Protein backbone atom coordinates (compact mmCIF):
# COMPACT_ATOMS: atom_id res chain seq x y z
CA MET A 1 59.66 62.80 232.32
CA ASN A 2 58.18 62.77 235.81
CA ALA A 3 59.09 59.69 237.88
CA VAL A 4 55.54 58.71 238.93
CA LEU A 5 54.26 59.26 235.40
CA ASP A 6 57.06 57.02 234.13
CA GLU A 7 55.98 54.38 236.65
CA LEU A 8 52.36 54.64 235.55
CA LYS A 9 53.42 54.23 231.93
CA TRP A 10 55.52 51.15 232.72
CA ARG A 11 52.55 49.63 234.52
CA GLY A 12 50.37 50.19 231.46
CA LEU A 13 48.25 52.83 233.17
CA VAL A 14 48.59 55.63 230.62
CA TYR A 15 46.45 55.50 227.48
CA GLN A 16 45.77 59.14 226.70
CA SER A 17 46.54 62.55 228.15
CA THR A 18 45.53 66.09 227.36
CA ASP A 19 49.25 67.04 227.20
CA GLU A 20 51.66 64.48 228.59
CA ALA A 21 54.70 66.76 228.64
CA ALA A 22 52.76 69.53 230.37
CA LEU A 23 51.35 67.04 232.87
CA ALA A 24 54.84 65.75 233.67
CA GLU A 25 56.01 69.30 234.30
CA HIS A 26 52.93 69.99 236.43
CA LEU A 27 53.58 66.90 238.56
CA ASP A 28 57.23 67.94 238.96
CA GLN A 29 56.07 71.32 240.29
CA GLY A 30 53.61 69.61 242.66
CA PRO A 31 52.27 68.34 244.86
CA ILE A 32 48.97 68.61 243.01
CA THR A 33 45.36 67.70 243.76
CA GLY A 34 43.39 65.47 241.40
CA TYR A 35 40.26 63.40 241.35
CA ILE A 36 38.56 60.27 240.13
CA GLY A 37 34.79 59.79 240.07
CA PHE A 38 32.64 56.75 240.80
CA ASP A 39 28.94 56.73 239.94
CA PRO A 40 26.76 54.59 242.24
CA SER A 41 25.05 52.63 239.46
CA ALA A 42 25.33 49.39 241.49
CA PRO A 43 25.75 48.56 245.18
CA SER A 44 29.46 47.86 244.66
CA ILE A 45 32.33 48.82 242.45
CA HIS A 46 34.05 46.07 240.45
CA PHE A 47 37.69 45.28 239.90
CA GLY A 48 37.77 47.39 236.72
CA ASN A 49 37.13 50.42 238.94
CA LEU A 50 40.05 49.33 241.10
CA VAL A 51 42.38 50.38 238.26
CA GLN A 52 41.70 54.05 239.02
CA LEU A 53 42.26 53.54 242.72
CA MET A 54 45.64 51.94 241.94
CA VAL A 55 46.54 55.02 239.88
CA TRP A 56 45.78 57.25 242.83
CA ARG A 57 47.56 55.02 245.33
CA ARG A 58 50.71 55.54 243.28
CA LEU A 59 50.12 59.27 242.81
CA GLN A 60 49.46 59.68 246.53
CA GLU A 61 52.64 57.78 247.39
CA ALA A 62 54.45 60.34 245.21
CA GLY A 63 53.03 63.17 247.34
CA HIS A 64 49.89 64.15 245.43
CA LYS A 65 46.42 64.52 246.95
CA PRO A 66 43.46 62.37 245.79
CA LEU A 67 39.84 63.44 245.79
CA LEU A 68 37.48 60.48 245.49
CA LEU A 69 34.18 61.68 244.07
CA VAL A 70 31.13 59.49 244.64
CA GLY A 71 28.44 60.72 242.28
CA GLY A 72 25.27 61.14 244.25
CA ALA A 73 24.06 63.49 241.51
CA THR A 74 25.49 61.89 238.36
CA GLY A 75 24.43 58.49 239.70
CA LEU A 76 20.82 59.68 239.44
CA ILE A 77 21.33 60.34 235.73
CA GLY A 78 23.73 57.74 234.40
CA ASP A 79 26.53 58.01 231.87
CA PRO A 80 25.04 57.14 228.46
CA ARG A 81 25.75 53.68 227.09
CA MET A 82 26.34 52.75 223.46
CA SER A 83 23.51 50.22 223.49
CA SER A 84 20.44 51.66 225.17
CA GLU A 85 18.98 54.06 227.72
CA ARG A 86 19.77 53.33 231.37
CA ASN A 87 17.00 52.70 233.85
CA LEU A 88 16.89 55.43 236.46
CA ASN A 89 17.37 54.02 239.95
CA PRO A 90 15.20 55.33 242.81
CA LYS A 91 16.77 58.16 244.79
CA ASP A 92 16.77 56.25 248.08
CA VAL A 93 18.55 53.33 246.42
CA VAL A 94 21.20 55.64 244.95
CA GLU A 95 21.71 57.20 248.39
CA GLN A 96 22.32 53.75 249.89
CA TRP A 97 24.79 52.90 247.11
CA VAL A 98 26.61 56.19 247.63
CA GLU A 99 27.35 55.25 251.22
CA ARG A 100 28.41 51.71 250.33
CA ILE A 101 30.77 52.90 247.60
CA ARG A 102 32.10 55.71 249.79
CA ALA A 103 33.18 53.07 252.30
CA GLN A 104 34.65 50.85 249.59
CA VAL A 105 36.82 53.44 247.85
CA SER A 106 38.06 54.83 251.15
CA ARG A 107 39.98 51.60 251.83
CA TYR A 108 42.54 52.16 249.08
CA VAL A 109 44.01 55.57 249.88
CA SER A 110 45.37 57.25 253.00
CA PHE A 111 43.43 59.84 254.96
CA GLU A 112 46.46 60.98 256.94
CA GLY A 113 49.29 63.40 256.27
CA SER A 114 49.62 66.60 254.28
CA ASN A 115 48.15 64.97 251.16
CA ALA A 116 45.32 63.16 252.95
CA ALA A 117 42.57 61.93 250.66
CA GLU A 118 39.08 63.38 250.71
CA VAL A 119 35.78 61.84 249.63
CA VAL A 120 33.36 64.27 247.99
CA ASN A 121 29.81 63.94 246.65
CA ASN A 122 28.67 65.98 243.65
CA TYR A 123 25.12 66.04 245.02
CA ASP A 124 26.38 68.63 247.52
CA TRP A 125 26.95 71.29 244.84
CA THR A 126 24.14 70.38 242.44
CA LYS A 127 21.16 69.90 244.77
CA ASN A 128 20.49 73.65 245.05
CA LEU A 129 21.58 74.58 241.51
CA SER A 130 18.69 76.06 239.53
CA THR A 131 18.02 75.12 235.93
CA LEU A 132 18.56 78.72 234.82
CA ASP A 133 21.91 78.98 236.58
CA PHE A 134 22.99 75.62 235.17
CA LEU A 135 22.11 76.66 231.62
CA ARG A 136 23.71 80.10 231.95
CA ASP A 137 26.87 79.05 233.83
CA VAL A 138 27.57 75.67 232.24
CA GLY A 139 25.37 75.02 229.22
CA LYS A 140 26.44 78.12 227.29
CA TYR A 141 30.00 76.79 227.02
CA PHE A 142 28.95 73.62 225.20
CA SER A 143 28.37 73.29 221.47
CA VAL A 144 25.47 71.00 220.57
CA ASN A 145 27.23 70.14 217.31
CA ARG A 146 30.26 68.90 219.25
CA MET A 147 28.10 66.95 221.68
CA LEU A 148 26.27 65.25 218.80
CA ALA A 149 29.61 64.15 217.36
CA ARG A 150 30.51 62.12 220.48
CA ASP A 151 30.65 58.42 219.65
CA VAL A 152 28.22 57.39 222.37
CA VAL A 153 25.67 60.02 221.27
CA ALA A 154 26.12 59.36 217.55
CA SER A 155 25.54 55.64 218.13
CA ARG A 156 22.20 56.41 219.79
CA LEU A 157 20.79 59.02 217.43
CA GLU A 158 18.83 56.49 215.41
CA SER A 159 17.44 54.53 218.35
CA GLY A 160 17.08 57.64 220.49
CA ILE A 161 18.77 59.21 223.49
CA SER A 162 17.07 61.19 226.23
CA TYR A 163 17.98 64.75 227.05
CA THR A 164 18.85 63.44 230.51
CA GLU A 165 21.67 61.21 229.27
CA PHE A 166 22.62 63.70 226.57
CA SER A 167 23.30 66.23 229.33
CA TYR A 168 25.44 63.95 231.49
CA ILE A 169 28.64 65.40 230.07
CA LEU A 170 27.67 68.85 231.38
CA LEU A 171 27.27 67.53 234.92
CA GLN A 172 30.62 65.76 234.94
CA SER A 173 32.32 68.85 233.50
CA LEU A 174 30.69 70.92 236.23
CA ASP A 175 32.22 68.53 238.80
CA TYR A 176 35.72 69.22 237.50
CA ARG A 177 35.19 72.96 237.53
CA GLU A 178 33.73 72.89 241.05
CA LEU A 179 36.71 70.94 242.37
CA TYR A 180 39.08 73.22 240.47
CA ARG A 181 37.50 76.29 242.09
CA THR A 182 37.11 74.93 245.62
CA LYS A 183 39.97 72.40 245.96
CA ASN A 184 42.50 73.64 243.40
CA CYS A 185 42.04 70.31 241.60
CA THR A 186 44.06 70.22 238.38
CA LEU A 187 43.95 66.57 237.26
CA GLN A 188 41.13 64.18 236.50
CA THR A 189 41.78 60.52 235.74
CA GLY A 190 39.51 57.85 234.35
CA ALA A 191 39.26 54.94 231.97
CA SER A 192 39.59 55.59 228.25
CA ASP A 193 35.81 55.45 227.76
CA GLN A 194 35.64 58.60 229.90
CA TRP A 195 37.88 60.64 227.61
CA GLY A 196 35.01 62.71 226.20
CA ASN A 197 33.77 63.64 229.66
CA ILE A 198 37.25 64.40 230.99
CA SER A 199 38.38 66.51 228.03
CA SER A 200 35.09 68.44 228.14
CA GLY A 201 35.72 69.32 231.78
CA VAL A 202 39.21 70.52 230.88
CA GLU A 203 37.72 72.67 228.13
CA LEU A 204 34.98 74.10 230.38
CA ILE A 205 37.58 75.26 232.91
CA ARG A 206 39.65 76.85 230.14
CA ARG A 207 36.68 78.66 228.61
CA SER A 208 34.86 79.75 231.78
CA ASP A 209 37.78 80.38 234.15
CA GLY A 210 40.83 80.65 231.93
CA GLY A 211 42.40 77.80 233.89
CA LYS A 212 44.80 75.12 232.67
CA VAL A 213 44.09 71.65 234.00
CA HIS A 214 44.88 68.12 232.88
CA GLY A 215 43.22 64.82 232.03
CA LEU A 216 44.72 61.33 232.06
CA CYS A 217 43.05 58.15 230.84
CA THR A 218 43.99 54.55 231.51
CA PRO A 219 43.33 51.74 229.03
CA LEU A 220 40.17 49.72 229.56
CA LEU A 221 40.91 46.46 231.28
CA THR A 222 40.32 43.68 228.77
CA LYS A 223 40.51 39.93 228.40
CA ALA A 224 42.88 38.33 225.90
CA ASP A 225 40.15 38.39 223.22
CA GLY A 226 39.76 42.15 223.64
CA THR A 227 36.41 42.14 225.43
CA LYS A 228 36.21 44.37 228.47
CA PHE A 229 35.36 43.72 232.08
CA GLY A 230 32.57 45.67 233.69
CA LYS A 231 29.37 45.43 235.67
CA THR A 232 27.30 44.97 232.50
CA GLU A 233 29.32 41.91 231.47
CA SER A 234 28.52 38.41 232.72
CA GLY A 235 30.72 37.13 235.47
CA THR A 236 31.43 40.53 236.99
CA VAL A 237 34.03 40.44 239.76
CA TRP A 238 32.77 42.77 242.47
CA LEU A 239 34.82 44.12 245.35
CA ASP A 240 31.99 43.53 247.82
CA PRO A 241 32.57 40.11 249.44
CA GLU A 242 28.81 39.52 249.60
CA MET A 243 28.59 39.82 245.80
CA THR A 244 31.86 38.05 244.91
CA SER A 245 33.26 35.91 247.71
CA PRO A 246 36.98 36.13 248.53
CA TYR A 247 37.27 32.51 247.38
CA ALA A 248 35.69 33.24 243.97
CA PHE A 249 37.71 36.46 243.75
CA HIS A 250 40.98 34.60 244.33
CA GLN A 251 40.00 31.85 241.89
CA PHE A 252 39.21 34.41 239.18
CA PHE A 253 42.72 35.81 239.19
CA LEU A 254 44.29 32.39 239.68
CA ASN A 255 42.73 31.52 236.32
CA ALA A 256 44.04 34.62 234.52
CA GLU A 257 45.18 34.01 230.96
CA ASP A 258 48.92 33.75 230.35
CA ALA A 259 48.58 36.47 227.72
CA LYS A 260 47.18 38.98 230.26
CA VAL A 261 48.52 37.98 233.67
CA ILE A 262 51.61 40.22 233.55
CA ASP A 263 49.48 43.19 232.49
CA TYR A 264 47.24 42.60 235.49
CA LEU A 265 50.21 42.18 237.83
CA LYS A 266 51.63 45.53 236.78
CA VAL A 267 48.31 47.20 237.53
CA PHE A 268 47.24 45.51 240.75
CA SER A 269 50.46 44.44 242.46
CA ASP A 270 53.09 46.49 244.27
CA ARG A 271 55.83 44.10 243.14
CA ASP A 272 58.78 45.93 241.58
CA HIS A 273 60.12 45.74 238.05
CA ASP A 274 62.60 42.93 238.75
CA GLU A 275 60.00 40.72 240.44
CA ILE A 276 57.48 41.17 237.66
CA ASP A 277 60.13 40.65 234.97
CA HIS A 278 61.04 37.37 236.68
CA LEU A 279 57.40 36.27 236.81
CA GLU A 280 57.04 37.16 233.13
CA HIS A 281 60.06 34.96 232.36
CA LEU A 282 58.52 32.08 234.30
CA THR A 283 55.23 32.52 232.43
CA GLN A 284 57.07 32.19 229.13
CA THR A 285 59.41 29.33 230.08
CA GLU A 286 57.43 27.36 232.70
CA PRO A 287 53.77 28.29 232.24
CA PHE A 288 52.62 25.11 234.00
CA ARG A 289 53.88 26.56 237.31
CA ARG A 290 51.30 29.37 237.14
CA ALA A 291 53.72 31.47 239.20
CA ALA A 292 52.45 34.81 237.92
CA GLN A 293 48.82 33.82 238.42
CA LYS A 294 49.48 32.76 242.01
CA ALA A 295 51.30 36.03 242.73
CA LEU A 296 48.50 38.06 241.15
CA ALA A 297 45.70 36.22 242.96
CA ASP A 298 47.47 36.49 246.31
CA ASP A 299 48.41 40.17 245.95
CA ILE A 300 45.03 41.46 244.82
CA THR A 301 43.08 39.32 247.32
CA ASP A 302 45.29 40.64 250.14
CA LEU A 303 44.57 44.17 248.95
CA VAL A 304 40.81 43.92 248.43
CA HIS A 305 39.93 41.49 251.23
CA SER A 306 42.70 40.54 253.66
CA VAL A 307 45.59 38.17 254.18
CA ALA A 308 43.33 35.96 256.30
CA GLU A 309 40.68 35.76 253.56
CA ARG A 310 43.35 34.95 251.00
CA GLU A 311 44.73 32.17 253.17
CA ALA A 312 41.22 30.76 253.62
CA ALA A 313 40.68 30.88 249.85
CA VAL A 314 43.96 29.03 249.21
CA ASN A 315 43.12 26.45 251.85
CA ALA A 316 39.66 25.92 250.35
CA ALA A 317 41.07 25.39 246.87
CA GLN A 318 43.54 22.84 248.19
CA ALA A 319 40.92 21.10 250.32
CA ALA A 320 38.56 20.79 247.36
CA PHE A 321 41.05 18.42 245.72
CA GLY A 322 42.09 16.48 248.78
CA ARG A 323 45.10 18.55 249.83
CA GLY A 324 43.61 20.20 252.90
CA GLU A 325 41.17 19.82 255.75
CA LEU A 326 37.62 20.83 254.81
CA SER A 327 36.33 20.89 258.39
CA ALA A 328 38.80 23.66 259.27
CA LEU A 329 37.32 26.09 256.72
CA PRO A 330 35.12 28.98 257.92
CA PRO A 331 31.41 28.54 257.03
CA ALA A 332 31.47 31.49 254.59
CA THR A 333 34.40 29.93 252.74
CA VAL A 334 32.64 26.57 252.59
CA GLN A 335 29.58 28.29 251.15
CA ALA A 336 31.71 30.08 248.54
CA LEU A 337 33.46 26.83 247.62
CA MET A 338 30.13 25.07 247.15
CA LYS A 339 28.88 27.88 244.93
CA GLU A 340 32.06 27.63 242.87
CA VAL A 341 31.70 23.86 242.33
CA GLY A 342 28.02 24.26 241.49
CA ALA A 343 26.58 22.38 244.46
CA ALA A 344 23.10 20.99 243.83
CA THR A 345 20.33 21.50 246.38
CA VAL A 346 18.71 18.42 247.89
CA GLU A 347 15.60 18.61 250.06
CA GLY A 348 14.01 15.80 252.03
CA THR A 349 13.50 14.22 255.39
CA GLU A 350 16.24 11.62 254.95
CA LEU A 351 19.90 12.12 254.03
CA PRO A 352 20.92 10.40 250.76
CA THR A 353 23.20 7.40 250.36
CA ILE A 354 26.68 7.92 248.98
CA VAL A 355 25.58 6.49 245.62
CA ASP A 356 22.68 8.91 245.42
CA ALA A 357 24.88 11.78 246.59
CA LEU A 358 27.53 11.15 243.93
CA ALA A 359 24.91 11.09 241.21
CA LEU A 360 23.02 14.14 242.53
CA ALA A 361 26.27 16.13 242.73
CA GLY A 362 26.96 15.36 239.09
CA VAL A 363 30.40 13.83 239.61
CA VAL A 364 29.14 10.61 237.98
CA PRO A 365 26.53 10.22 235.24
CA SER A 366 24.44 7.57 237.01
CA LYS A 367 24.00 5.51 240.15
CA SER A 368 25.63 2.52 238.48
CA ALA A 369 28.64 4.69 237.68
CA ALA A 370 28.66 5.78 241.31
CA ARG A 371 28.81 2.17 242.45
CA ARG A 372 31.70 1.47 240.09
CA ALA A 373 33.56 4.52 241.40
CA VAL A 374 33.18 3.24 244.97
CA ASP A 375 34.19 -0.29 244.02
CA GLU A 376 37.29 1.03 242.19
CA GLY A 377 38.35 3.18 245.17
CA GLY A 378 37.79 6.49 243.41
CA ALA A 379 34.85 7.93 245.37
CA TYR A 380 35.35 10.50 248.12
CA LEU A 381 33.07 12.24 250.60
CA ASN A 382 34.63 15.36 252.14
CA ASN A 383 38.01 13.96 250.96
CA GLU A 384 37.49 10.65 252.76
CA LYS A 385 37.56 7.55 250.55
CA ILE A 386 34.25 5.69 250.58
CA THR A 387 34.23 1.88 250.47
CA ASP A 388 30.57 1.15 251.20
CA PRO A 389 28.16 2.20 248.41
CA GLU A 390 25.19 1.77 250.78
CA ARG A 391 26.60 4.16 253.36
CA ARG A 392 24.12 6.90 254.15
CA LEU A 393 25.23 10.45 254.93
CA THR A 394 24.88 11.56 258.56
CA ALA A 395 24.66 14.92 260.27
CA ASP A 396 28.36 14.61 261.16
CA ASP A 397 29.21 14.67 257.44
CA LEU A 398 27.65 18.09 256.88
CA LEU A 399 30.11 20.97 256.49
CA ALA A 400 28.87 24.25 257.93
CA GLY A 401 25.74 22.33 258.91
CA LYS A 402 24.42 21.62 255.40
CA TYR A 403 27.09 20.93 252.74
CA VAL A 404 29.04 17.91 251.52
CA LEU A 405 31.82 17.77 248.96
CA LEU A 406 31.86 14.80 246.58
CA ARG A 407 34.80 13.84 244.40
CA ARG A 408 35.52 11.16 241.82
CA GLY A 409 39.19 10.54 241.23
CA LYS A 410 41.51 13.51 241.52
CA LYS A 411 39.76 16.18 239.48
CA THR A 412 35.98 15.67 239.25
CA VAL A 413 34.45 17.65 242.10
CA GLY A 414 30.87 18.52 243.03
CA GLY A 415 28.81 19.30 246.06
CA LEU A 416 25.41 19.15 247.68
CA GLU A 417 23.52 21.62 249.82
CA ILE A 418 21.27 19.45 251.93
CA ILE A 419 18.09 20.95 253.35
CA VAL A 420 16.34 18.59 255.74
């Protein structure tokens, strides 16, 4: 077996392959060129998409060349969903998303050396393709009976599926053949829900060009209950810091389930076998330490954002519970922290009293409970113990000019965004 393929298998990144033994031999004879595609169906990719980039980071480190395809053409169509027809996004919006995603994916591979990565856009080879040429050169190699048997199509036959989405598989197969012809691309990777598209591209190249190429699918990233992550699920974790802040990003992985944290570490961390085995042992024997979760959250936040953003996220989490200095946090981190604790918005010409603030922030059920918390020494404003229930907030209390953090005891935290 090929060494990098073995590594991918150990990291849980191999679910299905057109011919694993043949692929191993092909990689041994390399270096090869392969590709992964990203459709701009949103202004950012999410951390599920990062799985494919991790695959290609490892393949590139082994000497192989990645092509990152951003689908300016396929993004105008949309891969069919099991549930319902996609809404078509305006062309100018898709163009903007193409550029945003191009910049995002480019951060995870190297553009230097003999196997330097390239970013390609399938709009470049489809924009001037006539309908007649498309039907003659691509469509004739596809059986309608076989297309109807695809799970995603079969699930939509009763409710209806447009010819546009029905034809998506032809466009993605055309992409593979184009890259095979122009870039000598012989491997396509993707998540397991892309198997039909990938295997159809392999078959198109065999039938039209007599070429032998390969497909490799990774498992879908799932939670412990088996549900998947993705941009159609609630709570999507985006890679764009404006859509998911570095603080929220770090917190998400810090809260990873014990049952899944080692799986995520193998995918997203560069830690070696011994380190991950040790973290797995700690998860089983001392789960309260959350050692694997801390390693995962730190590693993936460093990768996607930066070491500085990770340090700010850690400091914010500590400060929220009285173990750090809130005033030292950058304004963007303060804002992310307040969003995470569900800060309530308060508008008015006068700043509230501490009793009102505690109640408005939801850390106590009532003003009388707020007074008791102050009297008992368990009320905090920006981590400072409050002794006077009549104390009114001042401009000096406002973090980043408009926020305050309220806490009752050690664990009940809330916040206010004050608009005066």
